[in-house]
Amino acid sequence: MKRTAILAAAAVALSACTTTDIDAGIRKSLPQICDGAQTAFAVLQPFIVAGKLSAKTEAAAISAHDSLFEGEAALCKRTDSATLATVLVAASAAALTISTAVREAKRAL
């Protein structure tokens, strides 16, 4: 929830810029977003392997990871075509899903 609010505030703050400037800025910061998502997913791997997450949470986390890294349309593979809209949608959804899975994994400890 906090991340979603931060992303919304960033979108509002950036709305004064031209779309080209925003998209260029997003492309520059996308590697950090992708690195963070990769790290968070790596933290989940032992819990997924051990079956400590619910089937629904595990499937959602894998799907979120795949939307960023797998397939031809994966956001982190196509950084040259990323826009504010595509990053906000994909990255915020992935961040929310993976952070929910991390919370569930912590409860399993």
PDB file of N, CA and C in Angstrom:
ATOM      1  N   MET A   1       0.827  -1.178   0.000  1.00  0.00           N
ATOM      2  CA  MET A   1       0.000   0.000   0.000  1.00  0.00           C
ATOM      3  C   MET A   1       0.873   1.244   0.000  1.00  0.00           C
ATOM      4  N   LYS A   2       1.915   1.223   0.831  1.00  0.00           N
ATOM      5  CA  LYS A   2       2.816   2.370   0.921  1.00  0.00           C
ATOM      6  C   LYS A   2       3.514   2.606  -0.406  1.00  0.00           C
ATOM      7  N   ARG A   3       3.955   1.527  -1.044  1.00  0.00           N
ATOM      8  CA  ARG A   3       4.635   1.657  -2.338  1.00  0.00           C
ATOM      9  C   ARG A   3       3.704   2.210  -3.402  1.00  0.00           C
ATOM     10  N   THR A   4       2.449   1.778  -3.369  1.00  0.00           N
ATOM     11  CA  THR A   4       1.487   2.271  -4.332  1.00  0.00           C
ATOM     12  C   THR A   4       1.282   3.772  -4.157  1.00  0.00           C
ATOM     13  N   ALA A   5       1.206   4.213  -2.902  1.00  0.00           N
ATOM     14  CA  ALA A   5       1.049   5.645  -2.631  1.00  0.00           C
ATOM     15  C   ALA A   5       2.272   6.424  -3.106  1.00  0.00           C
ATOM     16  N   ILE A   6       3.444   5.880  -2.898  1.00  0.00           N
ATOM     17  CA  ILE A   6       4.671   6.540  -3.337  1.00  0.00           C
ATOM     18  C   ILE A   6       4.705   6.632  -4.858  1.00  0.00           C
ATOM     19  N   LEU A   7       4.344   5.543  -5.526  1.00  0.00           N
ATOM     20  CA  LEU A   7       4.326   5.551  -6.993  1.00  0.00           C
ATOM     21  C   LEU A   7       3.297   6.541  -7.523  1.00  0.00           C
ATOM     22  N   ALA A   8       2.141   6.636  -6.864  1.00  0.00           N
ATOM     23  CA  ALA A   8       1.125   7.595  -7.292  1.00  0.00           C
ATOM     24  C   ALA A   8       1.619   9.023  -7.108  1.00  0.00           C
ATOM     25  N   ALA A   9       2.279   9.279  -5.973  1.00  0.00           N
ATOM     26  CA  ALA A   9       2.824  10.617  -5.727  1.00  0.00           C
ATOM     27  C   ALA A   9       3.900  10.960  -6.751  1.00  0.00           C
ATOM     28  N   ALA A  10       4.716   9.987  -7.088  1.00  0.00           N
ATOM     29  CA  ALA A  10       5.759  10.215  -8.096  1.00  0.00           C
ATOM     30  C   ALA A  10       5.136  10.514  -9.449  1.00  0.00           C
ATOM     31  N   ALA A  11       4.072   9.825  -9.782  1.00  0.00           N
ATOM     32  CA  ALA A  11       3.398  10.064 -11.059  1.00  0.00           C
ATOM     33  C   ALA A  11       2.829  11.476 -11.116  1.00  0.00           C
ATOM     34  N   VAL A  12       2.236  11.912 -10.009  1.00  0.00           N
ATOM     35  CA  VAL A  12       1.692  13.271  -9.963  1.00  0.00           C
ATOM     36  C   VAL A  12       2.817  14.292 -10.065  1.00  0.00           C
ATOM     37  N   ALA A  13       3.898  14.065  -9.336  1.00  0.00           N
ATOM     38  CA  ALA A  13       5.021  14.997  -9.357  1.00  0.00           C
ATOM     39  C   ALA A  13       5.655  15.080 -10.736  1.00  0.00           C
ATOM     40  N   LEU A  14       5.696  13.961 -11.422  1.00  0.00           N
ATOM     41  CA  LEU A  14       6.309  13.935 -12.746  1.00  0.00           C
ATOM     42  C   LEU A  14       5.377  14.401 -13.854  1.00  0.00           C
ATOM     43  N   SER A  15       4.107  14.607 -13.531  1.00  0.00           N
ATOM     44  CA  SER A  15       3.153  14.963 -14.575  1.00  0.00           C
ATOM     45  C   SER A  15       3.447  16.321 -15.210  1.00  0.00           C
ATOM     46  N   ALA A  16       4.214  17.164 -14.524  1.00  0.00           N
ATOM     47  CA  ALA A  16       4.575  18.456 -15.090  1.00  0.00           C
ATOM     48  C   ALA A  16       5.634  18.325 -16.188  1.00  0.00           C
ATOM     49  N   CYS A  17       6.333  17.222 -16.206  1.00  0.00           N
ATOM     50  CA  CYS A  17       7.366  16.990 -17.213  1.00  0.00           C
ATOM     51  C   CYS A  17       6.713  16.505 -18.510  1.00  0.00           C
ATOM     52  N   THR A  18       7.458  16.587 -19.580  1.00  0.00           N
ATOM     53  CA  THR A  18       6.937  16.044 -20.829  1.00  0.00           C
ATOM     54  C   THR A  18       7.023  14.533 -20.781  1.00  0.00           C
ATOM     55  N   THR A  19       6.190  13.872 -21.566  1.00  0.00           N
ATOM     56  CA  THR A  19       6.170  12.414 -21.589  1.00  0.00           C
ATOM     57  C   THR A  19       7.529  11.849 -21.951  1.00  0.00           C
ATOM     58  N   THR A  20       8.207  12.446 -22.888  1.00  0.00           N
ATOM     59  CA  THR A  20       9.521  11.968 -23.306  1.00  0.00           C
ATOM     60  C   THR A  20      10.507  12.024 -22.147  1.00  0.00           C
ATOM     61  N   ASP A  21      10.506  13.114 -21.389  1.00  0.00           N
ATOM     62  CA  ASP A  21      11.392  13.240 -20.235  1.00  0.00           C
ATOM     63  C   ASP A  21      11.071  12.191 -19.177  1.00  0.00           C
ATOM     64  N   ILE A  22       9.798  11.993 -18.926  1.00  0.00           N
ATOM     65  CA  ILE A  22       9.375  11.007 -17.927  1.00  0.00           C
ATOM     66  C   ILE A  22       9.806   9.615 -18.358  1.00  0.00           C
ATOM     67  N   ASP A  23       9.517   9.254 -19.590  1.00  0.00           N
ATOM     68  CA  ASP A  23       9.868   7.921 -20.077  1.00  0.00           C
ATOM     69  C   ASP A  23      11.374   7.700 -20.040  1.00  0.00           C
ATOM     70  N   ALA A  24      12.149   8.720 -20.377  1.00  0.00           N
ATOM     71  CA  ALA A  24      13.605   8.584 -20.323  1.00  0.00           C
ATOM     72  C   ALA A  24      14.070   8.386 -18.892  1.00  0.00           C
ATOM     73  N   GLY A  25      13.481   9.121 -17.974  1.00  0.00           N
ATOM     74  CA  GLY A  25      13.824   8.959 -16.555  1.00  0.00           C
ATOM     75  C   GLY A  25      13.461   7.585 -16.029  1.00  0.00           C
ATOM     76  N   ILE A  26      12.308   7.095 -16.443  1.00  0.00           N
ATOM     77  CA  ILE A  26      11.861   5.760 -16.030  1.00  0.00           C
ATOM     78  C   ILE A  26      12.830   4.703 -16.551  1.00  0.00           C
ATOM     79  N   ARG A  27      13.246   4.847 -17.803  1.00  0.00           N
ATOM     80  CA  ARG A  27      14.184   3.875 -18.381  1.00  0.00           C
ATOM     81  C   ARG A  27      15.497   3.854 -17.618  1.00  0.00           C
ATOM     82  N   LYS A  28      15.926   5.016 -17.125  1.00  0.00           N
ATOM     83  CA  LYS A  28      17.174   5.071 -16.349  1.00  0.00           C
ATOM     84  C   LYS A  28      17.033   4.381 -15.003  1.00  0.00           C
ATOM     85  N   SER A  29      15.850   4.459 -14.394  1.00  0.00           N
ATOM     86  CA  SER A  29      15.671   3.860 -13.070  1.00  0.00           C
ATOM     87  C   SER A  29      15.182   2.417 -13.131  1.00  0.00           C
ATOM     88  N   LEU A  30      14.798   1.936 -14.294  1.00  0.00           N
ATOM     89  CA  LEU A  30      14.293   0.576 -14.424  1.00  0.00           C
ATOM     90  C   LEU A  30      15.288  -0.495 -13.986  1.00  0.00           C
ATOM     91  N   PRO A  31      16.589  -0.366 -14.241  1.00  0.00           N
ATOM     92  CA  PRO A  31      17.509  -1.396 -13.744  1.00  0.00           C
ATOM     93  C   PRO A  31      17.464  -1.575 -12.221  1.00  0.00           C
ATOM     94  N   GLN A  32      17.301  -0.491 -11.479  1.00  0.00           N
ATOM     95  CA  GLN A  32      17.205  -0.601 -10.023  1.00  0.00           C
ATOM     96  C   GLN A  32      15.897  -1.289  -9.619  1.00  0.00           C
ATOM     97  N   ILE A  33      14.816  -0.984 -10.326  1.00  0.00           N
ATOM     98  CA  ILE A  33      13.533  -1.629 -10.045  1.00  0.00           C
ATOM     99  C   ILE A  33      13.652  -3.127 -10.306  1.00  0.00           C
ATOM    100  N   CYS A  34      14.252  -3.480 -11.432  1.00  0.00           N
ATOM    101  CA  CYS A  34      14.406  -4.898 -11.789  1.00  0.00           C
ATOM    102  C   CYS A  34      15.333  -5.618 -10.813  1.00  0.00           C
ATOM    103  N   ASP A  35      16.420  -4.973 -10.409  1.00  0.00           N
ATOM    104  CA  ASP A  35      17.331  -5.582  -9.431  1.00  0.00           C
ATOM    105  C   ASP A  35      16.619  -5.838  -8.106  1.00  0.00           C
ATOM    106  N   GLY A  36      15.835  -4.869  -7.673  1.00  0.00           N
ATOM    107  CA  GLY A  36      15.091  -5.025  -6.417  1.00  0.00           C
ATOM    108  C   GLY A  36      14.091  -6.164  -6.493  1.00  0.00           C
ATOM    109  N   ALA A  37      13.390  -6.267  -7.602  1.00  0.00           N
ATOM    110  CA  ALA A  37      12.420  -7.348  -7.779  1.00  0.00           C
ATOM    111  C   ALA A  37      13.112  -8.700  -7.827  1.00  0.00           C
ATOM    112  N   GLN A  38      14.257  -8.759  -8.492  1.00  0.00           N
ATOM    113  CA  GLN A  38      15.012 -10.016  -8.576  1.00  0.00           C
ATOM    114  C   GLN A  38      15.491 -10.446  -7.192  1.00  0.00           C
ATOM    115  N   THR A  39      15.974  -9.495  -6.412  1.00  0.00           N
ATOM    116  CA  THR A  39      16.443  -9.792  -5.057  1.00  0.00           C
ATOM    117  C   THR A  39      15.297 -10.287  -4.181  1.00  0.00           C
ATOM    118  N   ALA A  40      14.163  -9.588  -4.239  1.00  0.00           N
ATOM    119  CA  ALA A  40      13.006  -9.988  -3.437  1.00  0.00           C
ATOM    120  C   ALA A  40      12.529 -11.385  -3.811  1.00  0.00           C
ATOM    121  N   PHE A  41      12.524 -11.684  -5.106  1.00  0.00           N
ATOM    122  CA  PHE A  41      12.091 -13.010  -5.538  1.00  0.00           C
ATOM    123  C   PHE A  41      13.083 -14.074  -5.099  1.00  0.00           C
ATOM    124  N   ALA A  42      14.364 -13.746  -5.107  1.00  0.00           N
ATOM    125  CA  ALA A  42      15.380 -14.699  -4.644  1.00  0.00           C
ATOM    126  C   ALA A  42      15.178 -15.042  -3.168  1.00  0.00           C
ATOM    127  N   VAL A  43      14.748 -14.082  -2.387  1.00  0.00           N
ATOM    128  CA  VAL A  43      14.459 -14.320  -0.967  1.00  0.00           C
ATOM    129  C   VAL A  43      13.320 -15.323  -0.826  1.00  0.00           C
ATOM    130  N   LEU A  44      12.372 -15.281  -1.746  1.00  0.00           N
ATOM    131  CA  LEU A  44      11.220 -16.184  -1.688  1.00  0.00           C
ATOM    132  C   LEU A  44      11.530 -17.611  -2.124  1.00  0.00           C
ATOM    133  N   GLN A  45      12.564 -17.802  -2.907  1.00  0.00           N
ATOM    134  CA  GLN A  45      12.848 -19.122  -3.478  1.00  0.00           C
ATOM    135  C   GLN A  45      12.897 -20.248  -2.442  1.00  0.00           C
ATOM    136  N   PRO A  46      13.614 -20.098  -1.333  1.00  0.00           N
ATOM    137  CA  PRO A  46      13.630 -21.196  -0.358  1.00  0.00           C
ATOM    138  C   PRO A  46      12.243 -21.523   0.191  1.00  0.00           C
ATOM    139  N   PHE A  47      11.391 -20.512   0.345  1.00  0.00           N
ATOM    140  CA  PHE A  47      10.042 -20.732   0.851  1.00  0.00           C
ATOM    141  C   PHE A  47       9.172 -21.422  -0.192  1.00  0.00           C
ATOM    142  N   ILE A  48       9.387 -21.083  -1.455  1.00  0.00           N
ATOM    143  CA  ILE A  48       8.647 -21.739  -2.529  1.00  0.00           C
ATOM    144  C   ILE A  48       9.056 -23.202  -2.621  1.00  0.00           C
ATOM    145  N   VAL A  49      10.351 -23.451  -2.602  1.00  0.00           N
ATOM    146  CA  VAL A  49      10.865 -24.819  -2.687  1.00  0.00           C
ATOM    147  C   VAL A  49      10.383 -25.665  -1.504  1.00  0.00           C
ATOM    148  N   ALA A  50      10.340 -25.051  -0.313  1.00  0.00           N
ATOM    149  CA  ALA A  50       9.922 -25.776   0.894  1.00  0.00           C
ATOM    150  C   ALA A  50       8.402 -25.880   1.025  1.00  0.00           C
ATOM    151  N   GLY A  51       7.664 -25.243   0.129  1.00  0.00           N
ATOM    152  CA  GLY A  51       6.214 -25.303   0.194  1.00  0.00           C
ATOM    153  C   GLY A  51       5.629 -24.514   1.354  1.00  0.00           C
ATOM    154  N   LYS A  52       6.291 -23.451   1.766  1.00  0.00           N
ATOM    155  CA  LYS A  52       5.851 -22.658   2.913  1.00  0.00           C
ATOM    156  C   LYS A  52       4.864 -21.548   2.550  1.00  0.00           C
ATOM    157  N   LEU A  53       4.643 -21.327   1.265  1.00  0.00           N
ATOM    158  CA  LEU A  53       3.679 -20.323   0.832  1.00  0.00           C
ATOM    159  C   LEU A  53       2.408 -21.021   0.369  1.00  0.00           C
ATOM    160  N   SER A  54       1.293 -20.322   0.498  1.00  0.00           N
ATOM    161  CA  SER A  54       0.058 -20.900  -0.030  1.00  0.00           C
ATOM    162  C   SER A  54       0.196 -21.017  -1.548  1.00  0.00           C
ATOM    163  N   ALA A  55      -0.557 -21.911  -2.112  1.00  0.00           N
ATOM    164  CA  ALA A  55      -0.501 -22.119  -3.571  1.00  0.00           C
ATOM    165  C   ALA A  55      -0.855 -20.832  -4.310  1.00  0.00           C
ATOM    166  N   LYS A  56      -1.824 -20.091  -3.794  1.00  0.00           N
ATOM    167  CA  LYS A  56      -2.246 -18.842  -4.430  1.00  0.00           C
ATOM    168  C   LYS A  56      -1.125 -17.805  -4.396  1.00  0.00           C
ATOM    169  N   THR A  57      -0.477 -17.648  -3.242  1.00  0.00           N
ATOM    170  CA  THR A  57       0.608 -16.674  -3.100  1.00  0.00           C
ATOM    171  C   THR A  57       1.802 -17.073  -3.953  1.00  0.00           C
ATOM    172  N   GLU A  58       2.138 -18.346  -3.948  1.00  0.00           N
ATOM    173  CA  GLU A  58       3.256 -18.827  -4.759  1.00  0.00           C
ATOM    174  C   GLU A  58       3.006 -18.558  -6.238  1.00  0.00           C
ATOM    175  N   ALA A  59       1.822 -18.879  -6.721  1.00  0.00           N
ATOM    176  CA  ALA A  59       1.489 -18.657  -8.135  1.00  0.00           C
ATOM    177  C   ALA A  59       1.528 -17.171  -8.476  1.00  0.00           C
ATOM    178  N   ALA A  60       1.023 -16.332  -7.577  1.00  0.00           N
ATOM    179  CA  ALA A  60       1.022 -14.886  -7.825  1.00  0.00           C
ATOM    180  C   ALA A  60       2.437 -14.334  -7.863  1.00  0.00           C
ATOM    181  N   ALA A  61       3.304 -14.789  -6.957  1.00  0.00           N
ATOM    182  CA  ALA A  61       4.695 -14.319  -6.925  1.00  0.00           C
ATOM    183  C   ALA A  61       5.441 -14.742  -8.186  1.00  0.00           C
ATOM    184  N   ILE A  62       5.243 -15.963  -8.602  1.00  0.00           N
ATOM    185  CA  ILE A  62       5.898 -16.452  -9.825  1.00  0.00           C
ATOM    186  C   ILE A  62       5.381 -15.682 -11.039  1.00  0.00           C
ATOM    187  N   SER A  63       4.095 -15.443 -11.088  1.00  0.00           N
ATOM    188  CA  SER A  63       3.509 -14.679 -12.191  1.00  0.00           C
ATOM    189  C   SER A  63       4.046 -13.246 -12.226  1.00  0.00           C
ATOM    190  N   ALA A  64       4.159 -12.620 -11.052  1.00  0.00           N
ATOM    191  CA  ALA A  64       4.698 -11.255 -10.980  1.00  0.00           C
ATOM    192  C   ALA A  64       6.143 -11.228 -11.460  1.00  0.00           C
ATOM    193  N   HIS A  65       6.920 -12.195 -11.018  1.00  0.00           N
ATOM    194  CA  HIS A  65       8.317 -12.285 -11.443  1.00  0.00           C
ATOM    195  C   HIS A  65       8.389 -12.487 -12.954  1.00  0.00           C
ATOM    196  N   ASP A  66       7.565 -13.387 -13.467  1.00  0.00           N
ATOM    197  CA  ASP A  66       7.571 -13.666 -14.902  1.00  0.00           C
ATOM    198  C   ASP A  66       7.188 -12.445 -15.724  1.00  0.00           C
ATOM    199  N   SER A  67       6.261 -11.630 -15.207  1.00  0.00           N
ATOM    200  CA  SER A  67       5.854 -10.438 -15.957  1.00  0.00           C
ATOM    201  C   SER A  67       7.005  -9.455 -16.105  1.00  0.00           C
ATOM    202  N   LEU A  68       7.947  -9.511 -15.181  1.00  0.00           N
ATOM    203  CA  LEU A  68       9.106  -8.628 -15.261  1.00  0.00           C
ATOM    204  C   LEU A  68      10.275  -9.230 -16.025  1.00  0.00           C
ATOM    205  N   PHE A  69      10.429 -10.564 -15.979  1.00  0.00           N
ATOM    206  CA  PHE A  69      11.658 -11.172 -16.483  1.00  0.00           C
ATOM    207  C   PHE A  69      11.502 -12.245 -17.553  1.00  0.00           C
ATOM    208  N   GLU A  70      10.327 -12.812 -17.730  1.00  0.00           N
ATOM    209  CA  GLU A  70      10.176 -13.925 -18.671  1.00  0.00           C
ATOM    210  C   GLU A  70       9.361 -13.513 -19.890  1.00  0.00           C
ATOM    211  N   GLY A  71       9.690 -14.085 -21.008  1.00  0.00           N
ATOM    212  CA  GLY A  71       8.933 -13.822 -22.230  1.00  0.00           C
ATOM    213  C   GLY A  71       9.432 -12.595 -22.969  1.00  0.00           C
ATOM    214  N   GLU A  72       8.966 -12.469 -24.176  1.00  0.00           N
ATOM    215  CA  GLU A  72       9.420 -11.379 -25.032  1.00  0.00           C
ATOM    216  C   GLU A  72       8.931 -10.012 -24.573  1.00  0.00           C
ATOM    217  N   ALA A  73       7.777  -9.964 -23.914  1.00  0.00           N
ATOM    218  CA  ALA A  73       7.213  -8.680 -23.488  1.00  0.00           C
ATOM    219  C   ALA A  73       7.630  -8.302 -22.078  1.00  0.00           C
ATOM    220  N   ALA A  74       8.533  -9.054 -21.465  1.00  0.00           N
ATOM    221  CA  ALA A  74       8.940  -8.792 -20.084  1.00  0.00           C
ATOM    222  C   ALA A  74       9.533  -7.394 -19.948  1.00  0.00           C
ATOM    223  N   LEU A  75       9.057  -6.681 -18.958  1.00  0.00           N
ATOM    224  CA  LEU A  75       9.458  -5.293 -18.754  1.00  0.00           C
ATOM    225  C   LEU A  75      10.971  -5.143 -18.583  1.00  0.00           C
ATOM    226  N   CYS A  76      11.580  -6.009 -17.824  1.00  0.00           N
ATOM    227  CA  CYS A  76      13.017  -5.880 -17.552  1.00  0.00           C
ATOM    228  C   CYS A  76      13.891  -6.325 -18.718  1.00  0.00           C
ATOM    229  N   LYS A  77      13.305  -6.955 -19.708  1.00  0.00           N
ATOM    230  CA  LYS A  77      14.043  -7.329 -20.916  1.00  0.00           C
ATOM    231  C   LYS A  77      13.899  -6.273 -22.005  1.00  0.00           C
ATOM    232  N   ARG A  78      12.873  -5.436 -21.905  1.00  0.00           N
ATOM    233  CA  ARG A  78      12.584  -4.452 -22.944  1.00  0.00           C
ATOM    234  C   ARG A  78      12.640  -3.049 -22.359  1.00  0.00           C
ATOM    235  N   THR A  79      13.726  -2.747 -21.704  1.00  0.00           N
ATOM    236  CA  THR A  79      13.843  -1.451 -21.045  1.00  0.00           C
ATOM    237  C   THR A  79      13.829  -0.290 -22.034  1.00  0.00           C
ATOM    238  N   ASP A  80      14.215  -0.538 -23.261  1.00  0.00           N
ATOM    239  CA  ASP A  80      14.251   0.535 -24.251  1.00  0.00           C
ATOM    240  C   ASP A  80      12.864   1.037 -24.643  1.00  0.00           C
ATOM    241  N   SER A  81      11.833   0.238 -24.419  1.00  0.00           N
ATOM    242  CA  SER A  81      10.481   0.652 -24.782  1.00  0.00           C
ATOM    243  C   SER A  81       9.605   0.939 -23.565  1.00  0.00           C
ATOM    244  N   ALA A  82      10.188   0.959 -22.381  1.00  0.00           N
ATOM    245  CA  ALA A  82       9.421   1.199 -21.158  1.00  0.00           C
ATOM    246  C   ALA A  82       8.887   2.625 -21.130  1.00  0.00           C
ATOM    247  N   THR A  83       7.677   2.751 -20.657  1.00  0.00           N
ATOM    248  CA  THR A  83       7.063   4.062 -20.461  1.00  0.00           C
ATOM    249  C   THR A  83       6.611   4.156 -19.008  1.00  0.00           C
ATOM    250  N   LEU A  84       6.241   5.353 -18.597  1.00  0.00           N
ATOM    251  CA  LEU A  84       5.749   5.539 -17.234  1.00  0.00           C
ATOM    252  C   LEU A  84       4.587   4.607 -16.964  1.00  0.00           C
ATOM    253  N   ALA A  85       3.663   4.522 -17.895  1.00  0.00           N
ATOM    254  CA  ALA A  85       2.481   3.688 -17.701  1.00  0.00           C
ATOM    255  C   ALA A  85       2.837   2.213 -17.562  1.00  0.00           C
ATOM    256  N   THR A  86       3.687   1.685 -18.437  1.00  0.00           N
ATOM    257  CA  THR A  86       4.015   0.262 -18.370  1.00  0.00           C
ATOM    258  C   THR A  86       4.778  -0.073 -17.098  1.00  0.00           C
ATOM    259  N   VAL A  87       5.665   0.823 -16.684  1.00  0.00           N
ATOM    260  CA  VAL A  87       6.433   0.575 -15.462  1.00  0.00           C
ATOM    261  C   VAL A  87       5.541   0.674 -14.237  1.00  0.00           C
ATOM    262  N   LEU A  88       4.682   1.677 -14.169  1.00  0.00           N
ATOM    263  CA  LEU A  88       3.794   1.808 -13.010  1.00  0.00           C
ATOM    264  C   LEU A  88       2.897   0.594 -12.857  1.00  0.00           C
ATOM    265  N   VAL A  89       2.341   0.131 -13.948  1.00  0.00           N
ATOM    266  CA  VAL A  89       1.441  -1.010 -13.879  1.00  0.00           C
ATOM    267  C   VAL A  89       2.194  -2.282 -13.509  1.00  0.00           C
ATOM    268  N   ALA A  90       3.215  -2.619 -14.267  1.00  0.00           N
ATOM    269  CA  ALA A  90       3.924  -3.883 -14.049  1.00  0.00           C
ATOM    270  C   ALA A  90       4.721  -3.892 -12.755  1.00  0.00           C
ATOM    271  N   ALA A  91       5.483  -2.845 -12.513  1.00  0.00           N
ATOM    272  CA  ALA A  91       6.349  -2.832 -11.332  1.00  0.00           C
ATOM    273  C   ALA A  91       5.552  -2.714 -10.041  1.00  0.00           C
ATOM    274  N   SER A  92       4.506  -1.908 -10.025  1.00  0.00           N
ATOM    275  CA  SER A  92       3.739  -1.783  -8.789  1.00  0.00           C
ATOM    276  C   SER A  92       2.984  -3.065  -8.484  1.00  0.00           C
ATOM    277  N   ALA A  93       2.438  -3.710  -9.504  1.00  0.00           N
ATOM    278  CA  ALA A  93       1.751  -4.986  -9.295  1.00  0.00           C
ATOM    279  C   ALA A  93       2.727  -6.052  -8.812  1.00  0.00           C
ATOM    280  N   ALA A  94       3.896  -6.107  -9.424  1.00  0.00           N
ATOM    281  CA  ALA A  94       4.900  -7.089  -9.016  1.00  0.00           C
ATOM    282  C   ALA A  94       5.392  -6.807  -7.603  1.00  0.00           C
ATOM    283  N   ALA A  95       5.642  -5.549  -7.291  1.00  0.00           N
ATOM    284  CA  ALA A  95       6.122  -5.191  -5.950  1.00  0.00           C
ATOM    285  C   ALA A  95       5.100  -5.546  -4.890  1.00  0.00           C
ATOM    286  N   LEU A  96       3.843  -5.257  -5.141  1.00  0.00           N
ATOM    287  CA  LEU A  96       2.793  -5.575  -4.183  1.00  0.00           C
ATOM    288  C   LEU A  96       2.672  -7.081  -3.982  1.00  0.00           C
ATOM    289  N   THR A  97       2.679  -7.822  -5.069  1.00  0.00           N
ATOM    290  CA  THR A  97       2.546  -9.277  -4.986  1.00  0.00           C
ATOM    291  C   THR A  97       3.731  -9.914  -4.279  1.00  0.00           C
ATOM    292  N   ILE A  98       4.932  -9.501  -4.640  1.00  0.00           N
ATOM    293  CA  ILE A  98       6.128 -10.092  -4.034  1.00  0.00           C
ATOM    294  C   ILE A  98       6.242  -9.689  -2.569  1.00  0.00           C
ATOM    295  N   SER A  99       5.894  -8.450  -2.222  1.00  0.00           N
ATOM    296  CA  SER A  99       5.959  -8.043  -0.809  1.00  0.00           C
ATOM    297  C   SER A  99       4.924  -8.799   0.022  1.00  0.00           C
ATOM    298  N   THR A 100       3.761  -9.088  -0.553  1.00  0.00           N
ATOM    299  CA  THR A 100       2.760  -9.906   0.139  1.00  0.00           C
ATOM    300  C   THR A 100       3.311 -11.306   0.382  1.00  0.00           C
ATOM    301  N   ALA A 101       3.982 -11.855  -0.605  1.00  0.00           N
ATOM    302  CA  ALA A 101       4.576 -13.187  -0.462  1.00  0.00           C
ATOM    303  C   ALA A 101       5.682 -13.182   0.581  1.00  0.00           C
ATOM    304  N   VAL A 102       6.477 -12.122   0.630  1.00  0.00           N
ATOM    305  CA  VAL A 102       7.541 -12.026   1.635  1.00  0.00           C
ATOM    306  C   VAL A 102       6.923 -11.991   3.045  1.00  0.00           C
ATOM    307  N   ARG A 103       5.834 -11.246   3.236  1.00  0.00           N
ATOM    308  CA  ARG A 103       5.159 -11.209   4.535  1.00  0.00           C
ATOM    309  C   ARG A 103       4.666 -12.593   4.918  1.00  0.00           C
ATOM    310  N   GLU A 104       4.091 -13.294   3.966  1.00  0.00           N
ATOM    311  CA  GLU A 104       3.607 -14.655   4.241  1.00  0.00           C
ATOM    312  C   GLU A 104       4.777 -15.571   4.587  1.00  0.00           C
ATOM    313  N   ALA A 105       5.892 -15.403   3.898  1.00  0.00           N
ATOM    314  CA  ALA A 105       7.075 -16.214   4.179  1.00  0.00           C
ATOM    315  C   ALA A 105       7.598 -15.936   5.586  1.00  0.00           C
ATOM    316  N   LYS A 106       7.581 -14.674   6.004  1.00  0.00           N
ATOM    317  CA  LYS A 106       8.034 -14.334   7.362  1.00  0.00           C
ATOM    318  C   LYS A 106       7.165 -15.004   8.418  1.00  0.00           C
ATOM    319  N   ARG A 107       5.873 -15.077   8.157  1.00  0.00           N
ATOM    320  CA  ARG A 107       4.961 -15.743   9.115  1.00  0.00           C
ATOM    321  C   ARG A 107       5.267 -17.229   9.200  1.00  0.00           C
ATOM    322  N   ALA A 108       5.803 -17.793   8.128  1.00  0.00           N
ATOM    323  CA  ALA A 108       6.092 -19.228   8.088  1.00  0.00           C
ATOM    324  C   ALA A 108       7.353 -19.583   8.872  1.00  0.00           C
ATOM    325  N   LEU A 109       8.139 -18.566   9.232  1.00  0.00           N
ATOM    326  CA  LEU A 109       9.385 -18.839   9.965  1.00  0.00           C
ATOM    327  C   LEU A 109       9.100 -19.371  11.311  1.00  0.00           C
TER     328      LEU A 109
END
